[in-house]
Amino acid sequence: MENNITPGSERRVKILQRTAREVKNHRVMVRLLSLVLSMLIFLLGTVYVVSILYKRSGTLTISIDKYEMTKYGLSLSESREMTHMTSHLNARIAEKMTNISEKSIAANVDMIDGEHNGRDYIAYTFYLQNAGEYEVTYDYQVIMSNVTNGLDEAIRLRLYVDGEPSTYAKTRSDGLGAEPGTEEFYSEDVMVHKRINNLAPGGVTKYTIVLWLEGNDPDCIDWLIGGTIKIEMQMSVVH
């Protein structure tokens, strides 16, 4: 049989075949890019949600393990009457603070329940109750995390426990002990770690947390500008 395909038509067939392959490859590439884009959108969405949850969690939280709350009856509340008892408290704080002197802190800072921040300091009062049937000994510790720009060098924690205040600061940068009028932080990340012994059934411990940047600290210098810190207070039963 005589072959009727001319050189010109053969070229057209090859061009059409090449074009079909290109179209197919293009479709595959589009699908692949769509899949990758969908994965990126999902990932970015997840990161966004995590960041929102982090921001909503605040930068000052107080917590008791839920299991220990159930087993031993330890409960937290912002009121002495222990209304709205919970295992987790979250305090909102000012997004921006500048350094102050401790003299700028209100004299009645331990007399107001719940959140009562000053212009450039954080203040939060809450209560812990033993709502169980037996005496409980528990530890409490205040932990720093996500510290940037060396903010912990000049931060101060004043912790009132049943009205008795103690002020804590990082060890002096020259290594010569505590800052004036303070106790040294317990460790690099833990500001204070102490114990309450034999809290009777129905017994209540009152806490007030005050945080500020001490302007008289020699380490309170320009590199702290823009720094951030997250503070958590944890309570745990001593078994």
C-alpha atoms as a PDB file:
ATOM      1  CA  MET A   1       0.000   0.000   0.000  1.00  0.00           C
ATOM      2  CA  GLU A   2       1.344   3.412  -0.917  1.00  0.00           C
ATOM      3  CA  ASN A   3       2.226   5.683   2.030  1.00  0.00           C
ATOM      4  CA  ASN A   4       0.234   8.925   1.586  1.00  0.00           C
ATOM      5  CA  ILE A   5       1.901  10.820   4.515  1.00  0.00           C
ATOM      6  CA  THR A   6       3.837  13.698   3.121  1.00  0.00           C
ATOM      7  CA  PRO A   7       6.868  15.255   4.863  1.00  0.00           C
ATOM      8  CA  GLY A   8       4.769  18.280   5.792  1.00  0.00           C
ATOM      9  CA  SER A   9       1.955  16.277   7.348  1.00  0.00           C
ATOM     10  CA  GLU A  10       4.492  14.159   9.260  1.00  0.00           C
ATOM     11  CA  ARG A  11       5.889  17.309  10.826  1.00  0.00           C
ATOM     12  CA  ARG A  12       2.392  18.406  11.795  1.00  0.00           C
ATOM     13  CA  VAL A  13       1.725  15.032  13.457  1.00  0.00           C
ATOM     14  CA  LYS A  14       4.958  15.313  15.458  1.00  0.00           C
ATOM     15  CA  ILE A  15       4.084  18.871  16.473  1.00  0.00           C
ATOM     16  CA  LEU A  16       0.608  17.759  17.573  1.00  0.00           C
ATOM     17  CA  GLN A  17       2.099  14.855  19.528  1.00  0.00           C
ATOM     18  CA  ARG A  18       4.617  17.174  21.210  1.00  0.00           C
ATOM     19  CA  THR A  19       1.877  19.684  21.999  1.00  0.00           C
ATOM     20  CA  ALA A  20      -0.280  16.942  23.552  1.00  0.00           C
ATOM     21  CA  ARG A  21       2.606  15.875  25.763  1.00  0.00           C
ATOM     22  CA  GLU A  22       3.206  19.476  26.785  1.00  0.00           C
ATOM     23  CA  VAL A  23      -0.460  19.917  27.655  1.00  0.00           C
ATOM     24  CA  LYS A  24      -0.381  16.731  29.707  1.00  0.00           C
ATOM     25  CA  ASN A  25       2.809  17.805  31.482  1.00  0.00           C
ATOM     26  CA  HIS A  26       1.331  21.237  32.097  1.00  0.00           C
ATOM     27  CA  ARG A  27      -1.770  19.694  33.680  1.00  0.00           C
ATOM     28  CA  VAL A  28       0.365  17.482  35.916  1.00  0.00           C
ATOM     29  CA  MET A  29       2.474  20.493  36.942  1.00  0.00           C
ATOM     30  CA  VAL A  30      -0.635  22.558  37.706  1.00  0.00           C
ATOM     31  CA  ARG A  31      -2.023  19.768  39.891  1.00  0.00           C
ATOM     32  CA  LEU A  32       1.296  19.415  41.684  1.00  0.00           C
ATOM     33  CA  LEU A  33       1.564  23.152  42.288  1.00  0.00           C
ATOM     34  CA  SER A  34      -2.039  23.234  43.519  1.00  0.00           C
ATOM     35  CA  LEU A  35      -1.271  20.445  45.973  1.00  0.00           C
ATOM     36  CA  VAL A  36       1.875  22.203  47.219  1.00  0.00           C
ATOM     37  CA  LEU A  37      -0.021  25.500  47.528  1.00  0.00           C
ATOM     38  CA  SER A  38      -2.810  23.811  49.487  1.00  0.00           C
ATOM     39  CA  MET A  39      -0.264  22.297  51.859  1.00  0.00           C
ATOM     40  CA  LEU A  40       1.419  25.689  52.346  1.00  0.00           C
ATOM     41  CA  ILE A  41      -1.925  27.362  53.035  1.00  0.00           C
ATOM     42  CA  PHE A  42      -2.765  24.645  55.573  1.00  0.00           C
ATOM     43  CA  LEU A  43       0.636  25.009  57.219  1.00  0.00           C
ATOM     44  CA  LEU A  44       0.421  28.797  57.367  1.00  0.00           C
ATOM     45  CA  GLY A  45      -3.103  28.544  58.704  1.00  0.00           C
ATOM     46  CA  THR A  46      -1.943  26.175  61.441  1.00  0.00           C
ATOM     47  CA  VAL A  47       0.936  28.476  62.395  1.00  0.00           C
ATOM     48  CA  TYR A  48      -1.473  31.422  62.457  1.00  0.00           C
ATOM     49  CA  VAL A  49      -3.886  29.566  64.736  1.00  0.00           C
ATOM     50  CA  VAL A  50      -1.044  28.544  67.046  1.00  0.00           C
ATOM     51  CA  SER A  51       0.170  32.148  67.224  1.00  0.00           C
ATOM     52  CA  ILE A  52      -3.342  33.383  68.008  1.00  0.00           C
ATOM     53  CA  LEU A  53      -3.745  30.771  70.742  1.00  0.00           C
ATOM     54  CA  TYR A  54      -0.358  31.764  72.151  1.00  0.00           C
ATOM     55  CA  LYS A  55      -1.355  35.410  72.244  1.00  0.00           C
ATOM     56  CA  ARG A  56      -4.701  34.579  73.846  1.00  0.00           C
ATOM     57  CA  SER A  57      -2.985  32.524  76.507  1.00  0.00           C
ATOM     58  CA  GLY A  58      -1.421  35.745  77.774  1.00  0.00           C
ATOM     59  CA  THR A  59       2.035  36.205  79.212  1.00  0.00           C
ATOM     60  CA  LEU A  60       1.113  35.488  82.839  1.00  0.00           C
ATOM     61  CA  THR A  61      -0.556  32.171  83.651  1.00  0.00           C
ATOM     62  CA  ILE A  62      -1.156  30.296  86.894  1.00  0.00           C
ATOM     63  CA  SER A  63      -1.912  26.582  86.810  1.00  0.00           C
ATOM     64  CA  ILE A  64      -2.518  23.408  88.805  1.00  0.00           C
ATOM     65  CA  ASP A  65      -2.364  19.977  87.219  1.00  0.00           C
ATOM     66  CA  LYS A  66      -5.988  18.972  86.509  1.00  0.00           C
ATOM     67  CA  TYR A  67      -5.391  15.476  87.885  1.00  0.00           C
ATOM     68  CA  GLU A  68      -4.109  16.911  91.157  1.00  0.00           C
ATOM     69  CA  MET A  69      -7.028  19.325  91.266  1.00  0.00           C
ATOM     70  CA  THR A  70      -9.424  16.387  90.994  1.00  0.00           C
ATOM     71  CA  LYS A  71      -7.565  14.074  93.400  1.00  0.00           C
ATOM     72  CA  TYR A  72      -6.523  16.538  96.102  1.00  0.00           C
ATOM     73  CA  GLY A  73      -9.055  19.338  95.685  1.00  0.00           C
ATOM     74  CA  LEU A  74      -6.605  22.200  95.053  1.00  0.00           C
ATOM     75  CA  SER A  75      -8.443  24.991  93.237  1.00  0.00           C
ATOM     76  CA  LEU A  76      -7.686  28.511  92.007  1.00  0.00           C
ATOM     77  CA  SER A  77      -9.898  31.591  91.949  1.00  0.00           C
ATOM     78  CA  GLU A  78      -9.611  35.362  91.633  1.00  0.00           C
ATOM     79  CA  SER A  79     -11.894  35.864  94.635  1.00  0.00           C
ATOM     80  CA  ARG A  80     -11.510  34.969  98.300  1.00  0.00           C
ATOM     81  CA  GLU A  81     -14.999  33.453  98.173  1.00  0.00           C
ATOM     82  CA  MET A  82     -13.554  30.982  95.624  1.00  0.00           C
ATOM     83  CA  THR A  83     -16.228  31.631  93.033  1.00  0.00           C
ATOM     84  CA  HIS A  84     -15.517  30.177  89.587  1.00  0.00           C
ATOM     85  CA  MET A  85     -12.920  27.695  90.842  1.00  0.00           C
ATOM     86  CA  THR A  86     -10.532  26.471  88.168  1.00  0.00           C
ATOM     87  CA  SER A  87      -7.172  24.812  87.551  1.00  0.00           C
ATOM     88  CA  HIS A  88      -5.937  27.607  85.276  1.00  0.00           C
ATOM     89  CA  LEU A  89      -5.876  31.400  85.529  1.00  0.00           C
ATOM     90  CA  ASN A  90      -4.771  33.756  82.789  1.00  0.00           C
ATOM     91  CA  ALA A  91      -3.923  37.424  83.341  1.00  0.00           C
ATOM     92  CA  ARG A  92      -3.965  39.997  80.581  1.00  0.00           C
ATOM     93  CA  ILE A  93      -1.095  42.461  80.659  1.00  0.00           C
ATOM     94  CA  ALA A  94      -0.089  45.670  78.963  1.00  0.00           C
ATOM     95  CA  GLU A  95       1.670  45.021  75.661  1.00  0.00           C
ATOM     96  CA  LYS A  96       4.204  47.771  76.309  1.00  0.00           C
ATOM     97  CA  MET A  97       5.895  48.745  79.546  1.00  0.00           C
ATOM     98  CA  THR A  98       8.804  50.990  80.377  1.00  0.00           C
ATOM     99  CA  ASN A  99      11.185  50.842  83.313  1.00  0.00           C
ATOM    100  CA  ILE A 100      10.100  52.272  86.657  1.00  0.00           C
ATOM    101  CA  SER A 101      11.246  52.356  90.257  1.00  0.00           C
ATOM    102  CA  GLU A 102       9.598  50.055  92.785  1.00  0.00           C
ATOM    103  CA  LYS A 103       8.409  53.250  94.481  1.00  0.00           C
ATOM    104  CA  SER A 104       5.951  53.651  91.592  1.00  0.00           C
ATOM    105  CA  ILE A 105       4.016  50.537  92.646  1.00  0.00           C
ATOM    106  CA  ALA A 106       0.757  51.247  94.450  1.00  0.00           C
ATOM    107  CA  ALA A 107       0.888  50.800  98.213  1.00  0.00           C
ATOM    108  CA  ASN A 108      -2.341  48.765  98.181  1.00  0.00           C
ATOM    109  CA  VAL A 109      -1.171  46.424  95.388  1.00  0.00           C
ATOM    110  CA  ASP A 110      -1.864  43.394  97.604  1.00  0.00           C
ATOM    111  CA  MET A 111      -5.381  44.543  98.523  1.00  0.00           C
ATOM    112  CA  ILE A 112      -7.149  44.249  95.157  1.00  0.00           C
ATOM    113  CA  ASP A 113      -8.366  40.918  93.791  1.00  0.00           C
ATOM    114  CA  GLY A 114      -7.765  39.760  90.261  1.00  0.00           C
ATOM    115  CA  GLU A 115      -6.017  41.800  87.607  1.00  0.00           C
ATOM    116  CA  HIS A 116      -5.068  45.355  88.625  1.00  0.00           C
ATOM    117  CA  ASN A 117      -2.094  46.387  86.513  1.00  0.00           C
ATOM    118  CA  GLY A 118      -0.479  49.750  86.924  1.00  0.00           C
ATOM    119  CA  ARG A 119       0.709  51.939  84.095  1.00  0.00           C
ATOM    120  CA  ASP A 120       4.077  50.178  83.814  1.00  0.00           C
ATOM    121  CA  TYR A 121       3.784  47.128  86.041  1.00  0.00           C
ATOM    122  CA  ILE A 122       1.791  43.907  86.196  1.00  0.00           C
ATOM    123  CA  ALA A 123      -0.244  43.090  89.300  1.00  0.00           C
ATOM    124  CA  TYR A 124      -2.453  40.060  89.815  1.00  0.00           C
ATOM    125  CA  THR A 125      -4.028  38.677  92.998  1.00  0.00           C
ATOM    126  CA  PHE A 126      -5.548  35.213  93.297  1.00  0.00           C
ATOM    127  CA  TYR A 127      -6.308  32.491  95.826  1.00  0.00           C
ATOM    128  CA  LEU A 128      -5.547  28.801  96.157  1.00  0.00           C
ATOM    129  CA  GLN A 129      -7.848  26.650  98.285  1.00  0.00           C
ATOM    130  CA  ASN A 130      -7.578  23.101  99.570  1.00  0.00           C
ATOM    131  CA  ALA A 131     -11.121  21.973  98.789  1.00  0.00           C
ATOM    132  CA  GLY A 132     -10.281  18.348  99.574  1.00  0.00           C
ATOM    133  CA  GLU A 133     -10.593  16.241 102.716  1.00  0.00           C
ATOM    134  CA  TYR A 134      -6.938  15.980 103.740  1.00  0.00           C
ATOM    135  CA  GLU A 135      -3.991  18.247 104.481  1.00  0.00           C
ATOM    136  CA  VAL A 136      -1.905  19.005 101.402  1.00  0.00           C
ATOM    137  CA  THR A 137       1.712  20.108 101.054  1.00  0.00           C
ATOM    138  CA  TYR A 138       2.475  21.717  97.715  1.00  0.00           C
ATOM    139  CA  ASP A 139       5.283  23.487  95.906  1.00  0.00           C
ATOM    140  CA  TYR A 140       4.914  26.648  93.867  1.00  0.00           C
ATOM    141  CA  GLN A 141       7.349  28.019  91.326  1.00  0.00           C
ATOM    142  CA  VAL A 142       7.413  30.983  88.966  1.00  0.00           C
ATOM    143  CA  ILE A 143       9.017  30.174  85.620  1.00  0.00           C
ATOM    144  CA  MET A 144      10.337  32.449  82.853  1.00  0.00           C
ATOM    145  CA  SER A 145      10.311  31.421  79.188  1.00  0.00           C
ATOM    146  CA  ASN A 146      10.632  32.983  75.738  1.00  0.00           C
ATOM    147  CA  VAL A 147      12.937  35.685  77.098  1.00  0.00           C
ATOM    148  CA  THR A 148      14.318  38.027  74.420  1.00  0.00           C
ATOM    149  CA  ASN A 149      16.751  40.964  74.510  1.00  0.00           C
ATOM    150  CA  GLY A 150      17.962  39.957  77.973  1.00  0.00           C
ATOM    151  CA  LEU A 151      14.796  41.240  79.610  1.00  0.00           C
ATOM    152  CA  ASP A 152      15.356  38.982  82.619  1.00  0.00           C
ATOM    153  CA  GLU A 153      18.452  41.020  83.532  1.00  0.00           C
ATOM    154  CA  ALA A 154      16.349  43.858  84.939  1.00  0.00           C
ATOM    155  CA  ILE A 155      12.967  42.310  85.682  1.00  0.00           C
ATOM    156  CA  ARG A 156      11.691  42.177  89.238  1.00  0.00           C
ATOM    157  CA  LEU A 157       9.177  39.816  90.802  1.00  0.00           C
ATOM    158  CA  ARG A 158       7.502  40.768  94.053  1.00  0.00           C
ATOM    159  CA  LEU A 159       5.453  37.885  95.377  1.00  0.00           C
ATOM    160  CA  TYR A 160       3.055  38.346  98.274  1.00  0.00           C
ATOM    161  CA  VAL A 161       2.111  35.108 100.057  1.00  0.00           C
ATOM    162  CA  ASP A 162      -0.648  35.692 102.592  1.00  0.00           C
ATOM    163  CA  GLY A 163       0.361  39.344 102.731  1.00  0.00           C
ATOM    164  CA  GLU A 164       4.105  38.754 103.212  1.00  0.00           C
ATOM    165  CA  PRO A 165       6.149  40.221 100.304  1.00  0.00           C
ATOM    166  CA  SER A 166       9.460  39.000  98.916  1.00  0.00           C
ATOM    167  CA  THR A 167      11.233  40.554  95.927  1.00  0.00           C
ATOM    168  CA  TYR A 168      13.292  38.471  93.505  1.00  0.00           C
ATOM    169  CA  ALA A 169      15.823  39.397  90.822  1.00  0.00           C
ATOM    170  CA  LYS A 170      18.497  37.791  88.703  1.00  0.00           C
ATOM    171  CA  THR A 171      21.965  37.573  90.256  1.00  0.00           C
ATOM    172  CA  ARG A 172      24.020  40.714  89.635  1.00  0.00           C
ATOM    173  CA  SER A 173      25.821  40.636  86.288  1.00  0.00           C
ATOM    174  CA  ASP A 174      29.153  41.123  88.074  1.00  0.00           C
ATOM    175  CA  GLY A 175      28.492  37.877  89.947  1.00  0.00           C
ATOM    176  CA  LEU A 176      28.550  39.527  93.382  1.00  0.00           C
ATOM    177  CA  GLY A 177      25.281  38.148  94.682  1.00  0.00           C
ATOM    178  CA  ALA A 178      21.768  39.532  94.890  1.00  0.00           C
ATOM    179  CA  GLU A 179      20.570  42.919  93.713  1.00  0.00           C
ATOM    180  CA  PRO A 180      19.897  45.315  96.636  1.00  0.00           C
ATOM    181  CA  GLY A 181      16.699  44.478  98.497  1.00  0.00           C
ATOM    182  CA  THR A 182      16.095  41.220  96.623  1.00  0.00           C
ATOM    183  CA  GLU A 183      16.538  37.475  96.791  1.00  0.00           C
ATOM    184  CA  GLU A 184      18.313  35.798  93.871  1.00  0.00           C
ATOM    185  CA  PHE A 185      16.346  33.812  91.308  1.00  0.00           C
ATOM    186  CA  TYR A 186      16.189  30.112  92.129  1.00  0.00           C
ATOM    187  CA  SER A 187      17.819  29.147  88.808  1.00  0.00           C
ATOM    188  CA  GLU A 188      18.353  30.405  85.261  1.00  0.00           C
ATOM    189  CA  ASP A 189      14.684  29.932  84.322  1.00  0.00           C
ATOM    190  CA  VAL A 190      12.953  29.716  87.707  1.00  0.00           C
ATOM    191  CA  MET A 191      12.424  32.956  89.588  1.00  0.00           C
ATOM    192  CA  VAL A 192      11.232  31.365  92.822  1.00  0.00           C
ATOM    193  CA  HIS A 193      10.567  27.810  94.033  1.00  0.00           C
ATOM    194  CA  LYS A 194       9.089  27.330  97.515  1.00  0.00           C
ATOM    195  CA  ARG A 195       6.748  25.127  99.523  1.00  0.00           C
ATOM    196  CA  ILE A 196       3.535  25.491 101.510  1.00  0.00           C
ATOM    197  CA  ASN A 197       3.323  22.829 104.213  1.00  0.00           C
ATOM    198  CA  ASN A 198       0.183  21.197 105.567  1.00  0.00           C
ATOM    199  CA  LEU A 199      -2.562  23.335 104.058  1.00  0.00           C
ATOM    200  CA  ALA A 200      -5.634  22.170 105.955  1.00  0.00           C
ATOM    201  CA  PRO A 201      -8.944  21.214 104.303  1.00  0.00           C
ATOM    202  CA  GLY A 202     -10.751  24.453 103.505  1.00  0.00           C
ATOM    203  CA  GLY A 203      -7.519  26.397 103.937  1.00  0.00           C
ATOM    204  CA  VAL A 204      -6.733  29.244 101.535  1.00  0.00           C
ATOM    205  CA  THR A 205      -3.432  30.801 100.473  1.00  0.00           C
ATOM    206  CA  LYS A 206      -3.522  34.297  98.994  1.00  0.00           C
ATOM    207  CA  TYR A 207      -1.003  35.302  96.313  1.00  0.00           C
ATOM    208  CA  THR A 208      -0.205  38.594  94.627  1.00  0.00           C
ATOM    209  CA  ILE A 209       2.252  38.684  91.715  1.00  0.00           C
ATOM    210  CA  VAL A 210       3.864  42.015  90.798  1.00  0.00           C
ATOM    211  CA  LEU A 211       6.260  42.320  87.840  1.00  0.00           C
ATOM    212  CA  TRP A 212       8.165  45.371  86.620  1.00  0.00           C
ATOM    213  CA  LEU A 213      11.405  46.504  84.991  1.00  0.00           C
ATOM    214  CA  GLU A 214      13.615  48.118  87.616  1.00  0.00           C
ATOM    215  CA  GLY A 215      15.034  51.369  86.227  1.00  0.00           C
ATOM    216  CA  ASN A 216      17.726  51.508  88.924  1.00  0.00           C
ATOM    217  CA  ASP A 217      19.183  48.169  87.870  1.00  0.00           C
ATOM    218  CA  PRO A 218      22.575  48.740  86.150  1.00  0.00           C
ATOM    219  CA  ASP A 219      21.510  46.226  83.475  1.00  0.00           C
ATOM    220  CA  CYS A 220      18.388  48.206  82.574  1.00  0.00           C
ATOM    221  CA  ILE A 221      19.862  49.654  79.377  1.00  0.00           C
ATOM    222  CA  ASP A 222      18.806  50.217  75.769  1.00  0.00           C
ATOM    223  CA  TRP A 223      19.310  46.634  74.596  1.00  0.00           C
ATOM    224  CA  LEU A 224      16.207  45.625  76.584  1.00  0.00           C
ATOM    225  CA  ILE A 225      13.988  47.712  74.285  1.00  0.00           C
ATOM    226  CA  GLY A 226      11.545  45.463  72.416  1.00  0.00           C
ATOM    227  CA  GLY A 227      12.223  42.509  74.709  1.00  0.00           C
ATOM    228  CA  THR A 228       9.540  39.965  75.609  1.00  0.00           C
ATOM    229  CA  ILE A 229       9.004  37.422  78.368  1.00  0.00           C
ATOM    230  CA  LYS A 230       6.407  34.807  79.340  1.00  0.00           C
ATOM    231  CA  ILE A 231       5.755  34.051  83.008  1.00  0.00           C
ATOM    232  CA  GLU A 232       4.009  30.991  84.434  1.00  0.00           C
ATOM    233  CA  MET A 233       3.319  30.081  88.048  1.00  0.00           C
ATOM    234  CA  GLN A 234       2.830  26.369  88.685  1.00  0.00           C
ATOM    235  CA  MET A 235       1.525  24.582  91.777  1.00  0.00           C
ATOM    236  CA  SER A 236       2.172  20.873  92.356  1.00  0.00           C
ATOM    237  CA  VAL A 237       1.361  18.542  95.248  1.00  0.00           C
ATOM    238  CA  VAL A 238       4.277  17.015  97.167  1.00  0.00           C
ATOM    239  CA  HIS A 239       3.606  13.275  97.352  1.00  0.00           C
END
